[in-house]
Amino acid sequence: MAMTMNGEVQLAAPREAVWAKLNDPEVLKACIPGCEELERTDDGGFRATAKMKVGPVSARFKGKVTLSDLDPPNGYKISGEGEGGVAGFAKGGAVVKLAEKDGGTLLSYDVEAQIGGKLAQLGQRLINGAAKKLADEFFANFAKAVQG
């Protein structure tokens, strides 16, 4: 099952500060809902473990995240894949862009993902709703982290 999502968030912080936090594993770990582990790998990416619940399906996903097309402090592409055992798998990526706006930074994102296994059987509406809720939660947490 394929899924796309996009959005933007206005942050009250300079672009360089937002860029630094987007590349800080401690900040990301604190902001990602259900994240239990997030550590940098030697290839510049991250290894992650997150516990997620989507409708009746609950799973612990283990996966890896890679950053590419790095263009500091304007943005990057983040790609990842996670295995959730019987719950299924998720893989995808997001293009993240930072622009100066209204004395702060406008962060915009475009996400594309594929989901398989039990999760995919839940249906598009439930998956999209859960993905939007996770994104909203992440960006609310991230906004707080960036703004101190």
Protein backbone atom coordinates (compact mmCIF):
# COMPACT_ATOMS: atom_id res chain seq x y z
CA MET A 1 0.00 0.00 0.00
CA ALA A 2 1.41 3.39 -0.99
CA MET A 3 0.90 6.58 0.95
CA THR A 4 1.82 10.23 0.40
CA MET A 5 1.61 13.17 2.75
CA ASN A 6 2.90 16.71 2.86
CA GLY A 7 2.76 19.77 5.03
CA GLU A 8 4.58 22.73 6.45
CA VAL A 9 5.36 24.12 9.87
CA GLN A 10 6.44 27.64 10.79
CA LEU A 11 9.18 27.57 13.45
CA ALA A 12 10.26 30.58 15.53
CA ALA A 13 13.99 29.92 15.13
CA PRO A 14 16.72 30.74 12.60
CA ARG A 15 17.27 28.28 9.76
CA GLU A 16 20.76 27.27 10.99
CA ALA A 17 19.33 26.33 14.42
CA VAL A 18 16.54 24.27 12.83
CA TRP A 19 19.10 22.54 10.58
CA ALA A 20 21.29 21.65 13.58
CA LYS A 21 18.34 20.14 15.49
CA LEU A 22 17.21 18.16 12.41
CA ASN A 23 20.62 16.47 12.48
CA ASP A 24 20.82 15.86 16.24
CA PRO A 25 19.96 12.25 17.22
CA GLU A 26 19.03 13.25 20.80
CA VAL A 27 16.55 15.87 19.59
CA LEU A 28 15.06 13.52 16.97
CA LYS A 29 14.75 10.68 19.48
CA ALA A 30 12.86 12.95 21.89
CA CYS A 31 10.54 14.18 19.11
CA ILE A 32 9.66 10.91 17.32
CA PRO A 33 6.54 9.39 18.93
CA GLY A 34 7.30 5.95 20.39
CA CYS A 35 11.03 6.18 19.67
CA GLU A 36 13.03 3.98 22.05
CA GLU A 37 16.46 4.10 20.39
CA LEU A 38 18.08 6.35 17.84
CA GLU A 39 21.80 6.29 17.27
CA ARG A 40 24.08 7.56 14.53
CA THR A 41 25.73 4.95 12.31
CA ASP A 42 29.17 5.19 10.70
CA ASP A 43 27.67 5.95 7.29
CA GLY A 44 26.06 9.17 8.53
CA GLY A 45 22.60 7.67 8.97
CA PHE A 46 20.76 6.38 12.03
CA ARG A 47 19.63 3.07 13.49
CA ALA A 48 16.23 3.28 15.19
CA THR A 49 13.72 1.34 17.26
CA ALA A 50 10.21 2.70 17.72
CA LYS A 51 7.04 1.25 19.21
CA MET A 52 3.91 2.13 17.26
CA LYS A 53 0.22 1.38 17.52
CA VAL A 54 -2.02 1.78 14.51
CA GLY A 55 -5.63 0.80 15.21
CA PRO A 56 -5.56 -2.73 16.64
CA VAL A 57 -1.99 -3.43 15.46
CA SER A 58 0.86 -2.72 17.85
CA ALA A 59 4.48 -3.38 16.90
CA ARG A 60 8.07 -2.54 17.62
CA PHE A 61 9.81 -1.45 14.43
CA LYS A 62 13.55 -1.74 14.00
CA GLY A 63 15.08 0.01 11.07
CA LYS A 64 17.62 2.28 9.54
CA VAL A 65 17.46 5.84 8.32
CA THR A 66 19.71 7.43 5.69
CA LEU A 67 20.20 11.12 4.94
CA SER A 68 21.02 12.14 1.37
CA ASP A 69 20.98 15.18 -0.93
CA LEU A 70 22.31 17.20 2.00
CA ASP A 71 22.13 20.93 1.31
CA PRO A 72 22.86 22.72 4.62
CA PRO A 73 20.93 24.68 5.87
CA ASN A 74 18.29 24.33 3.13
CA GLY A 75 17.22 20.70 3.47
CA TYR A 76 17.80 17.03 2.78
CA LYS A 77 16.17 13.79 1.83
CA ILE A 78 15.55 11.29 4.62
CA SER A 79 14.90 7.65 3.69
CA GLY A 80 14.18 4.74 5.94
CA GLU A 81 12.84 1.25 6.29
CA GLY A 82 11.55 -0.59 9.30
CA GLU A 83 10.60 -4.19 10.07
CA GLY A 84 7.77 -4.81 12.52
CA GLY A 85 7.66 -8.61 12.53
CA VAL A 86 4.14 -9.95 11.94
CA ALA A 87 2.77 -6.39 11.86
CA GLY A 88 4.59 -5.84 8.59
CA PHE A 89 7.05 -3.33 7.24
CA ALA A 90 7.24 0.30 6.28
CA LYS A 91 9.69 2.02 3.98
CA GLY A 92 9.79 5.41 2.44
CA GLY A 93 11.30 8.82 2.41
CA ALA A 94 10.70 12.51 2.89
CA VAL A 95 12.13 15.58 1.25
CA VAL A 96 12.57 18.26 3.92
CA LYS A 97 13.08 21.90 2.93
CA LEU A 98 13.91 24.88 5.13
CA ALA A 99 13.24 28.48 4.07
CA GLU A 100 13.51 31.78 5.91
CA LYS A 101 10.05 33.25 6.53
CA ASP A 102 8.58 35.88 8.85
CA GLY A 103 11.73 36.13 10.99
CA GLY A 104 11.78 32.36 11.52
CA THR A 105 11.97 29.20 9.45
CA LEU A 106 9.33 27.50 7.32
CA LEU A 107 9.89 23.72 7.28
CA SER A 108 8.07 21.89 4.48
CA TYR A 109 7.98 18.16 3.88
CA ASP A 110 6.81 15.68 1.22
CA VAL A 111 6.54 12.06 2.33
CA GLU A 112 6.16 8.90 0.24
CA ALA A 113 5.90 5.53 1.92
CA GLN A 114 5.04 1.89 1.26
CA ILE A 115 3.47 -0.29 3.91
CA GLY A 116 3.03 -4.06 3.84
CA GLY A 117 1.87 -6.92 6.04
CA LYS A 118 -0.88 -6.70 8.67
CA LEU A 119 -0.63 -2.91 8.72
CA ALA A 120 -1.56 -2.67 5.05
CA GLN A 121 -4.74 -4.67 5.72
CA LEU A 122 -6.05 -1.96 8.05
CA GLY A 123 -7.11 0.21 5.15
CA GLN A 124 -6.00 3.48 3.65
CA ARG A 125 -8.11 5.78 5.86
CA LEU A 126 -6.84 4.36 9.14
CA ILE A 127 -3.22 4.34 7.93
CA ASN A 128 -3.42 7.93 6.62
CA GLY A 129 -5.05 9.11 9.85
CA ALA A 130 -2.36 7.43 11.97
CA ALA A 131 0.44 8.82 9.76
CA LYS A 132 -0.96 12.35 9.99
CA LYS A 133 -1.29 12.04 13.78
CA LEU A 134 2.35 10.85 14.06
CA ALA A 135 3.57 13.69 11.81
CA ASP A 136 1.59 16.30 13.76
CA GLU A 137 2.96 14.94 17.05
CA PHE A 138 6.54 14.91 15.74
CA PHE A 139 6.36 18.49 14.47
CA ALA A 140 4.69 19.78 17.66
CA ASN A 141 7.52 18.16 19.68
CA PHE A 142 10.13 19.44 17.23
CA ALA A 143 8.77 23.00 17.36
CA LYS A 144 9.09 22.92 21.18
CA ALA A 145 12.66 21.56 20.96
CA VAL A 146 13.71 24.21 18.42
CA GLN A 147 12.13 27.09 20.30
CA GLY A 148 13.66 25.99 23.60
